[in-house]
């Protein structure tokens, strides 16, 4: 789940193996990846998968900066 807090920051909830953590972000996808890795010490190497639920309750994947920016825009 990704939610915008202000123009300068966003809050994402990231879940791994049933453990959910809040991650404060500036809006940069690479930062999302880095902070998620820092939050879970036992994450396997490789690509991470991120998703959000849109206004139609569809699960949408987030794989790039463009996807992340769109997720932030729709969460307002």
PDB file of N, CA and C in Angstrom:
ATOM      1  N   UNK A   1       0.848  -1.170   0.000  1.00  0.00           N
ATOM      2  CA  UNK A   1       0.000   0.000   0.000  1.00  0.00           C
ATOM      3  C   UNK A   1       0.889   1.226   0.000  1.00  0.00           C
ATOM      4  N   UNK A   2       0.532   2.192  -0.820  1.00  0.00           N
ATOM      5  CA  UNK A   2       1.310   3.414  -0.924  1.00  0.00           C
ATOM      6  C   UNK A   2       0.362   4.582  -0.723  1.00  0.00           C
ATOM      7  N   UNK A   3       0.720   5.519   0.137  1.00  0.00           N
ATOM      8  CA  UNK A   3      -0.110   6.699   0.325  1.00  0.00           C
ATOM      9  C   UNK A   3       0.752   7.946   0.381  1.00  0.00           C
ATOM     10  N   UNK A   4       0.273   8.998  -0.263  1.00  0.00           N
ATOM     11  CA  UNK A   4       1.016  10.256  -0.277  1.00  0.00           C
ATOM     12  C   UNK A   4       0.713  11.029   0.992  1.00  0.00           C
ATOM     13  N   UNK A   5       1.732  11.591   1.597  1.00  0.00           N
ATOM     14  CA  UNK A   5       1.557  12.387   2.809  1.00  0.00           C
ATOM     15  C   UNK A   5       1.645  13.861   2.481  1.00  0.00           C
ATOM     16  N   UNK A   6       2.512  14.222   1.583  1.00  0.00           N
ATOM     17  CA  UNK A   6       2.666  15.601   1.131  1.00  0.00           C
ATOM     18  C   UNK A   6       3.407  15.551  -0.189  1.00  0.00           C
ATOM     19  N   UNK A   7       3.666  16.690  -0.772  1.00  0.00           N
ATOM     20  CA  UNK A   7       4.416  16.703  -2.024  1.00  0.00           C
ATOM     21  C   UNK A   7       5.830  16.176  -1.827  1.00  0.00           C
ATOM     22  N   UNK A   8       6.372  16.306  -0.617  1.00  0.00           N
ATOM     23  CA  UNK A   8       7.766  15.941  -0.378  1.00  0.00           C
ATOM     24  C   UNK A   8       7.949  14.524   0.148  1.00  0.00           C
ATOM     25  N   UNK A   9       6.888  13.895   0.660  1.00  0.00           N
ATOM     26  CA  UNK A   9       7.090  12.563   1.216  1.00  0.00           C
ATOM     27  C   UNK A   9       5.870  11.679   1.008  1.00  0.00           C
ATOM     28  N   UNK A  10       6.110  10.388   1.059  1.00  0.00           N
ATOM     29  CA  UNK A  10       5.055   9.396   0.922  1.00  0.00           C
ATOM     30  C   UNK A  10       5.299   8.320   1.964  1.00  0.00           C
ATOM     31  N   UNK A  11       4.265   7.590   2.259  1.00  0.00           N
ATOM     32  CA  UNK A  11       4.371   6.488   3.198  1.00  0.00           C
ATOM     33  C   UNK A  11       3.939   5.222   2.477  1.00  0.00           C
ATOM     34  N   UNK A  12       4.793   4.221   2.520  1.00  0.00           N
ATOM     35  CA  UNK A  12       4.462   2.933   1.919  1.00  0.00           C
ATOM     36  C   UNK A  12       4.458   1.879   3.014  1.00  0.00           C
ATOM     37  N   UNK A  13       3.543   0.932   2.891  1.00  0.00           N
ATOM     38  CA  UNK A  13       3.559  -0.237   3.756  1.00  0.00           C
ATOM     39  C   UNK A  13       4.088  -1.378   2.916  1.00  0.00           C
ATOM     40  N   UNK A  14       5.152  -1.989   3.394  1.00  0.00           N
ATOM     41  CA  UNK A  14       5.758  -3.104   2.678  1.00  0.00           C
ATOM     42  C   UNK A  14       5.635  -4.358   3.533  1.00  0.00           C
ATOM     43  N   UNK A  15       5.319  -5.468   2.889  1.00  0.00           N
ATOM     44  CA  UNK A  15       5.094  -6.723   3.604  1.00  0.00           C
ATOM     45  C   UNK A  15       5.973  -7.813   3.026  1.00  0.00           C
ATOM     46  N   UNK A  16       6.569  -8.585   3.933  1.00  0.00           N
ATOM     47  CA  UNK A  16       7.381  -9.743   3.539  1.00  0.00           C
ATOM     48  C   UNK A  16       7.163 -10.831   4.582  1.00  0.00           C
ATOM     49  N   UNK A  17       6.769 -11.994   4.126  1.00  0.00           N
ATOM     50  CA  UNK A  17       6.516 -13.144   5.006  1.00  0.00           C
ATOM     51  C   UNK A  17       5.568 -12.790   6.154  1.00  0.00           C
ATOM     52  N   UNK A  18       4.522 -12.014   5.839  1.00  0.00           N
ATOM     53  CA  UNK A  18       3.522 -11.669   6.835  1.00  0.00           C
ATOM     54  C   UNK A  18       3.893 -10.531   7.767  1.00  0.00           C
ATOM     55  N   UNK A  19       5.102 -10.002   7.654  1.00  0.00           N
ATOM     56  CA  UNK A  19       5.564  -8.894   8.487  1.00  0.00           C
ATOM     57  C   UNK A  19       5.417  -7.602   7.686  1.00  0.00           C
ATOM     58  N   UNK A  20       4.678  -6.632   8.218  1.00  0.00           N
ATOM     59  CA  UNK A  20       4.433  -5.368   7.516  1.00  0.00           C
ATOM     60  C   UNK A  20       5.149  -4.229   8.231  1.00  0.00           C
ATOM     61  N   UNK A  21       5.812  -3.391   7.436  1.00  0.00           N
ATOM     62  CA  UNK A  21       6.535  -2.239   7.981  1.00  0.00           C
ATOM     63  C   UNK A  21       6.144  -1.000   7.192  1.00  0.00           C
ATOM     64  N   UNK A  22       6.197   0.157   7.866  1.00  0.00           N
ATOM     65  CA  UNK A  22       5.972   1.438   7.200  1.00  0.00           C
ATOM     66  C   UNK A  22       7.323   1.992   6.772  1.00  0.00           C
ATOM     67  N   UNK A  23       7.357   2.518   5.560  1.00  0.00           N
ATOM     68  CA  UNK A  23       8.585   3.080   5.014  1.00  0.00           C
ATOM     69  C   UNK A  23       8.276   4.486   4.517  1.00  0.00           C
ATOM     70  N   UNK A  24       8.943   5.479   5.055  1.00  0.00           N
ATOM     71  CA  UNK A  24       8.763   6.862   4.633  1.00  0.00           C
ATOM     72  C   UNK A  24       9.688   7.138   3.457  1.00  0.00           C
ATOM     73  N   UNK A  25       9.142   7.754   2.407  1.00  0.00           N
ATOM     74  CA  UNK A  25       9.878   7.933   1.162  1.00  0.00           C
ATOM     75  C   UNK A  25       9.751   9.341   0.614  1.00  0.00           C
ATOM     76  N   UNK A  26      10.673   9.696  -0.246  1.00  0.00           N
ATOM     77  CA  UNK A  26      10.625  11.001  -0.918  1.00  0.00           C
ATOM     78  C   UNK A  26       9.870  10.923  -2.238  1.00  0.00           C
ATOM     79  N   UNK A  27       9.572   9.731  -2.713  1.00  0.00           N
ATOM     80  CA  UNK A  27       8.889   9.576  -3.996  1.00  0.00           C
ATOM     81  C   UNK A  27       9.761   8.941  -5.060  1.00  0.00           C
ATOM     82  N   UNK A  28      10.914   8.417  -4.664  1.00  0.00           N
ATOM     83  CA  UNK A  28      11.851   7.806  -5.597  1.00  0.00           C
ATOM     84  C   UNK A  28      11.745   6.278  -5.516  1.00  0.00           C
ATOM     85  N   UNK A  29      11.556   5.622  -6.665  1.00  0.00           N
ATOM     86  CA  UNK A  29      11.397   4.165  -6.698  1.00  0.00           C
ATOM     87  C   UNK A  29      12.631   3.449  -6.164  1.00  0.00           C
ATOM     88  N   UNK A  30      13.814   3.918  -6.535  1.00  0.00           N
ATOM     89  CA  UNK A  30      15.046   3.274  -6.044  1.00  0.00           C
ATOM     90  C   UNK A  30      15.146   3.364  -4.526  1.00  0.00           C
ATOM     91  N   UNK A  31      14.669   4.474  -3.966  1.00  0.00           N
ATOM     92  CA  UNK A  31      14.640   4.619  -2.514  1.00  0.00           C
ATOM     93  C   UNK A  31      13.679   3.600  -1.893  1.00  0.00           C
ATOM     94  N   UNK A  32      12.538   3.366  -2.546  1.00  0.00           N
ATOM     95  CA  UNK A  32      11.589   2.348  -2.076  1.00  0.00           C
ATOM     96  C   UNK A  32      12.279   0.989  -1.994  1.00  0.00           C
ATOM     97  N   UNK A  33      13.012   0.634  -3.026  1.00  0.00           N
ATOM     98  CA  UNK A  33      13.727  -0.647  -3.047  1.00  0.00           C
ATOM     99  C   UNK A  33      14.770  -0.692  -1.926  1.00  0.00           C
ATOM    100  N   UNK A  34      15.565   0.361  -1.802  1.00  0.00           N
ATOM    101  CA  UNK A  34      16.627   0.394  -0.785  1.00  0.00           C
ATOM    102  C   UNK A  34      16.064   0.321   0.632  1.00  0.00           C
ATOM    103  N   UNK A  35      15.031   1.096   0.901  1.00  0.00           N
ATOM    104  CA  UNK A  35      14.466   1.103   2.259  1.00  0.00           C
ATOM    105  C   UNK A  35      13.742  -0.202   2.580  1.00  0.00           C
ATOM    106  N   UNK A  36      13.155  -0.824   1.566  1.00  0.00           N
ATOM    107  CA  UNK A  36      12.522  -2.130   1.782  1.00  0.00           C
ATOM    108  C   UNK A  36      13.590  -3.158   2.130  1.00  0.00           C
ATOM    109  N   UNK A  37      14.678  -3.164   1.389  1.00  0.00           N
ATOM    110  CA  UNK A  37      15.777  -4.090   1.689  1.00  0.00           C
ATOM    111  C   UNK A  37      16.340  -3.849   3.088  1.00  0.00           C
ATOM    112  N   UNK A  38      16.440  -2.589   3.494  1.00  0.00           N
ATOM    113  CA  UNK A  38      16.963  -2.264   4.825  1.00  0.00           C
ATOM    114  C   UNK A  38      15.992  -2.697   5.929  1.00  0.00           C
ATOM    115  N   UNK A  39      14.704  -2.737   5.624  1.00  0.00           N
ATOM    116  CA  UNK A  39      13.687  -3.089   6.624  1.00  0.00           C
ATOM    117  C   UNK A  39      13.605  -4.587   6.891  1.00  0.00           C
ATOM    118  N   UNK A  40      13.990  -5.399   5.912  1.00  0.00           N
ATOM    119  CA  UNK A  40      13.895  -6.853   6.042  1.00  0.00           C
ATOM    120  C   UNK A  40      15.266  -7.464   5.761  1.00  0.00           C
ATOM    121  N   UNK A  41      15.933  -7.907   6.801  1.00  0.00           N
ATOM    122  CA  UNK A  41      17.308  -8.391   6.661  1.00  0.00           C
ATOM    123  C   UNK A  41      17.423  -9.701   5.886  1.00  0.00           C
ATOM    124  N   UNK A  42      16.347 -10.476   5.805  1.00  0.00           N
ATOM    125  CA  UNK A  42      16.443 -11.779   5.143  1.00  0.00           C
ATOM    126  C   UNK A  42      15.820 -11.814   3.750  1.00  0.00           C
ATOM    127  N   UNK A  43      15.674 -10.653   3.103  1.00  0.00           N
ATOM    128  CA  UNK A  43      15.159 -10.625   1.734  1.00  0.00           C
ATOM    129  C   UNK A  43      16.154 -11.302   0.796  1.00  0.00           C
ATOM    130  N   UNK A  44      15.680 -12.132  -0.112  1.00  0.00           N
ATOM    131  CA  UNK A  44      16.601 -12.747  -1.071  1.00  0.00           C
ATOM    132  C   UNK A  44      17.091 -11.711  -2.085  1.00  0.00           C
ATOM    133  N   UNK A  45      18.249 -11.953  -2.653  1.00  0.00           N
ATOM    134  CA  UNK A  45      18.763 -11.087  -3.710  1.00  0.00           C
ATOM    135  C   UNK A  45      17.834 -11.186  -4.915  1.00  0.00           C
ATOM    136  N   UNK A  46      17.859 -10.176  -5.748  1.00  0.00           N
ATOM    137  CA  UNK A  46      17.030 -10.184  -6.945  1.00  0.00           C
ATOM    138  C   UNK A  46      15.990  -9.083  -6.898  1.00  0.00           C
ATOM    139  N   UNK A  47      15.149  -9.114  -7.895  1.00  0.00           N
ATOM    140  CA  UNK A  47      14.137  -8.084  -8.070  1.00  0.00           C
ATOM    141  C   UNK A  47      13.004  -8.229  -7.064  1.00  0.00           C
ATOM    142  N   UNK A  48      12.576  -7.110  -6.494  1.00  0.00           N
ATOM    143  CA  UNK A  48      11.445  -7.106  -5.570  1.00  0.00           C
ATOM    144  C   UNK A  48      10.166  -6.800  -6.339  1.00  0.00           C
ATOM    145  N   UNK A  49       9.036  -7.249  -5.815  1.00  0.00           N
ATOM    146  CA  UNK A  49       7.738  -6.979  -6.432  1.00  0.00           C
ATOM    147  C   UNK A  49       6.925  -6.097  -5.500  1.00  0.00           C
ATOM    148  N   UNK A  50       6.421  -4.989  -6.043  1.00  0.00           N
ATOM    149  CA  UNK A  50       5.590  -4.067  -5.290  1.00  0.00           C
ATOM    150  C   UNK A  50       4.233  -3.958  -5.974  1.00  0.00           C
ATOM    151  N   UNK A  51       3.189  -3.756  -5.171  1.00  0.00           N
ATOM    152  CA  UNK A  51       1.830  -3.629  -5.692  1.00  0.00           C
ATOM    153  C   UNK A  51       1.074  -2.588  -4.883  1.00  0.00           C
ATOM    154  N   UNK A  52       0.030  -2.021  -5.486  1.00  0.00           N
ATOM    155  CA  UNK A  52      -0.920  -1.184  -4.754  1.00  0.00           C
ATOM    156  C   UNK A  52      -2.320  -1.490  -5.271  1.00  0.00           C
ATOM    157  N   UNK A  53      -3.321  -1.142  -4.488  1.00  0.00           N
ATOM    158  CA  UNK A  53      -4.713  -1.343  -4.887  1.00  0.00           C
ATOM    159  C   UNK A  53      -5.246  -0.002  -5.362  1.00  0.00           C
ATOM    160  N   UNK A  54      -5.749   0.028  -6.603  1.00  0.00           N
ATOM    161  CA  UNK A  54      -6.231   1.291  -7.164  1.00  0.00           C
ATOM    162  C   UNK A  54      -7.677   1.575  -6.754  1.00  0.00           C
ATOM    163  N   UNK A  55      -8.223   2.653  -7.289  1.00  0.00           N
ATOM    164  CA  UNK A  55      -9.563   3.090  -6.913  1.00  0.00           C
ATOM    165  C   UNK A  55     -10.659   2.117  -7.335  1.00  0.00           C
ATOM    166  N   UNK A  56     -10.354   1.201  -8.249  1.00  0.00           N
ATOM    167  CA  UNK A  56     -11.312   0.175  -8.672  1.00  0.00           C
ATOM    168  C   UNK A  56     -11.054  -1.155  -7.969  1.00  0.00           C
ATOM    169  N   UNK A  57     -10.222  -1.130  -6.944  1.00  0.00           N
ATOM    170  CA  UNK A  57      -9.839  -2.305  -6.157  1.00  0.00           C
ATOM    171  C   UNK A  57      -9.066  -3.353  -6.963  1.00  0.00           C
ATOM    172  N   UNK A  58      -8.382  -2.902  -8.006  1.00  0.00           N
ATOM    173  CA  UNK A  58      -7.507  -3.788  -8.773  1.00  0.00           C
ATOM    174  C   UNK A  58      -6.103  -3.695  -8.192  1.00  0.00           C
ATOM    175  N   UNK A  59      -5.398  -4.822  -8.158  1.00  0.00           N
ATOM    176  CA  UNK A  59      -4.022  -4.831  -7.691  1.00  0.00           C
ATOM    177  C   UNK A  59      -3.110  -4.485  -8.871  1.00  0.00           C
ATOM    178  N   UNK A  60      -2.344  -3.409  -8.713  1.00  0.00           N
ATOM    179  CA  UNK A  60      -1.495  -2.879  -9.777  1.00  0.00           C
ATOM    180  C   UNK A  60      -0.030  -3.049  -9.378  1.00  0.00           C
ATOM    181  N   UNK A  61       0.782  -3.553 -10.301  1.00  0.00           N
ATOM    182  CA  UNK A  61       2.200  -3.748 -10.003  1.00  0.00           C
ATOM    183  C   UNK A  61       2.969  -2.440 -10.154  1.00  0.00           C
ATOM    184  N   UNK A  62       4.021  -2.311  -9.368  1.00  0.00           N
ATOM    185  CA  UNK A  62       4.901  -1.143  -9.401  1.00  0.00           C
ATOM    186  C   UNK A  62       6.310  -1.661  -9.657  1.00  0.00           C
ATOM    187  N   UNK A  63       6.813  -1.401 -10.878  1.00  0.00           N
ATOM    188  CA  UNK A  63       8.108  -1.944 -11.282  1.00  0.00           C
ATOM    189  C   UNK A  63       9.108  -0.883 -11.719  1.00  0.00           C
ATOM    190  N   UNK A  64       8.710   0.387 -11.668  1.00  0.00           N
ATOM    191  CA  UNK A  64       9.580   1.444 -12.179  1.00  0.00           C
ATOM    192  C   UNK A  64       9.227   2.773 -11.512  1.00  0.00           C
ATOM    193  N   UNK A  65      10.034   3.788 -11.808  1.00  0.00           N
ATOM    194  CA  UNK A  65       9.752   5.122 -11.290  1.00  0.00           C
ATOM    195  C   UNK A  65       8.411   5.621 -11.814  1.00  0.00           C
ATOM    196  N   UNK A  66       8.115   5.374 -13.081  1.00  0.00           N
ATOM    197  CA  UNK A  66       6.842   5.825 -13.652  1.00  0.00           C
ATOM    198  C   UNK A  66       5.661   5.164 -12.938  1.00  0.00           C
ATOM    199  N   UNK A  67       5.753   3.863 -12.687  1.00  0.00           N
ATOM    200  CA  UNK A  67       4.686   3.160 -11.951  1.00  0.00           C
ATOM    201  C   UNK A  67       4.530   3.725 -10.546  1.00  0.00           C
ATOM    202  N   UNK A  68       5.653   3.991  -9.878  1.00  0.00           N
ATOM    203  CA  UNK A  68       5.622   4.498  -8.513  1.00  0.00           C
ATOM    204  C   UNK A  68       5.012   5.899  -8.473  1.00  0.00           C
ATOM    205  N   UNK A  69       5.384   6.740  -9.430  1.00  0.00           N
ATOM    206  CA  UNK A  69       4.817   8.087  -9.503  1.00  0.00           C
ATOM    207  C   UNK A  69       3.308   8.031  -9.708  1.00  0.00           C
ATOM    208  N   UNK A  70       2.854   7.123 -10.557  1.00  0.00           N
ATOM    209  CA  UNK A  70       1.416   6.964 -10.781  1.00  0.00           C
ATOM    210  C   UNK A  70       0.717   6.487  -9.515  1.00  0.00           C
ATOM    211  N   UNK A  71       1.330   5.573  -8.803  1.00  0.00           N
ATOM    212  CA  UNK A  71       0.753   5.077  -7.541  1.00  0.00           C
ATOM    213  C   UNK A  71       0.598   6.223  -6.554  1.00  0.00           C
ATOM    214  N   UNK A  72       1.595   7.084  -6.470  1.00  0.00           N
ATOM    215  CA  UNK A  72       1.523   8.228  -5.559  1.00  0.00           C
ATOM    216  C   UNK A  72       0.434   9.201  -5.963  1.00  0.00           C
ATOM    217  N   UNK A  73       0.287   9.428  -7.277  1.00  0.00           N
ATOM    218  CA  UNK A  73      -0.742  10.345  -7.777  1.00  0.00           C
ATOM    219  C   UNK A  73      -2.145   9.812  -7.479  1.00  0.00           C
ATOM    220  N   UNK A  74      -2.358   8.522  -7.651  1.00  0.00           N
ATOM    221  CA  UNK A  74      -3.697   7.959  -7.443  1.00  0.00           C
ATOM    222  C   UNK A  74      -4.040   7.804  -5.970  1.00  0.00           C
ATOM    223  N   UNK A  75      -3.037   7.903  -5.098  1.00  0.00           N
ATOM    224  CA  UNK A  75      -3.306   7.741  -3.675  1.00  0.00           C
ATOM    225  C   UNK A  75      -3.770   9.031  -3.008  1.00  0.00           C
ATOM    226  N   UNK A  76      -3.717  10.141  -3.733  1.00  0.00           N
ATOM    227  CA  UNK A  76      -4.152  11.427  -3.172  1.00  0.00           C
ATOM    228  C   UNK A  76      -5.649  11.492  -3.053  1.00  0.00           C
TER     229      UNK A  76
END
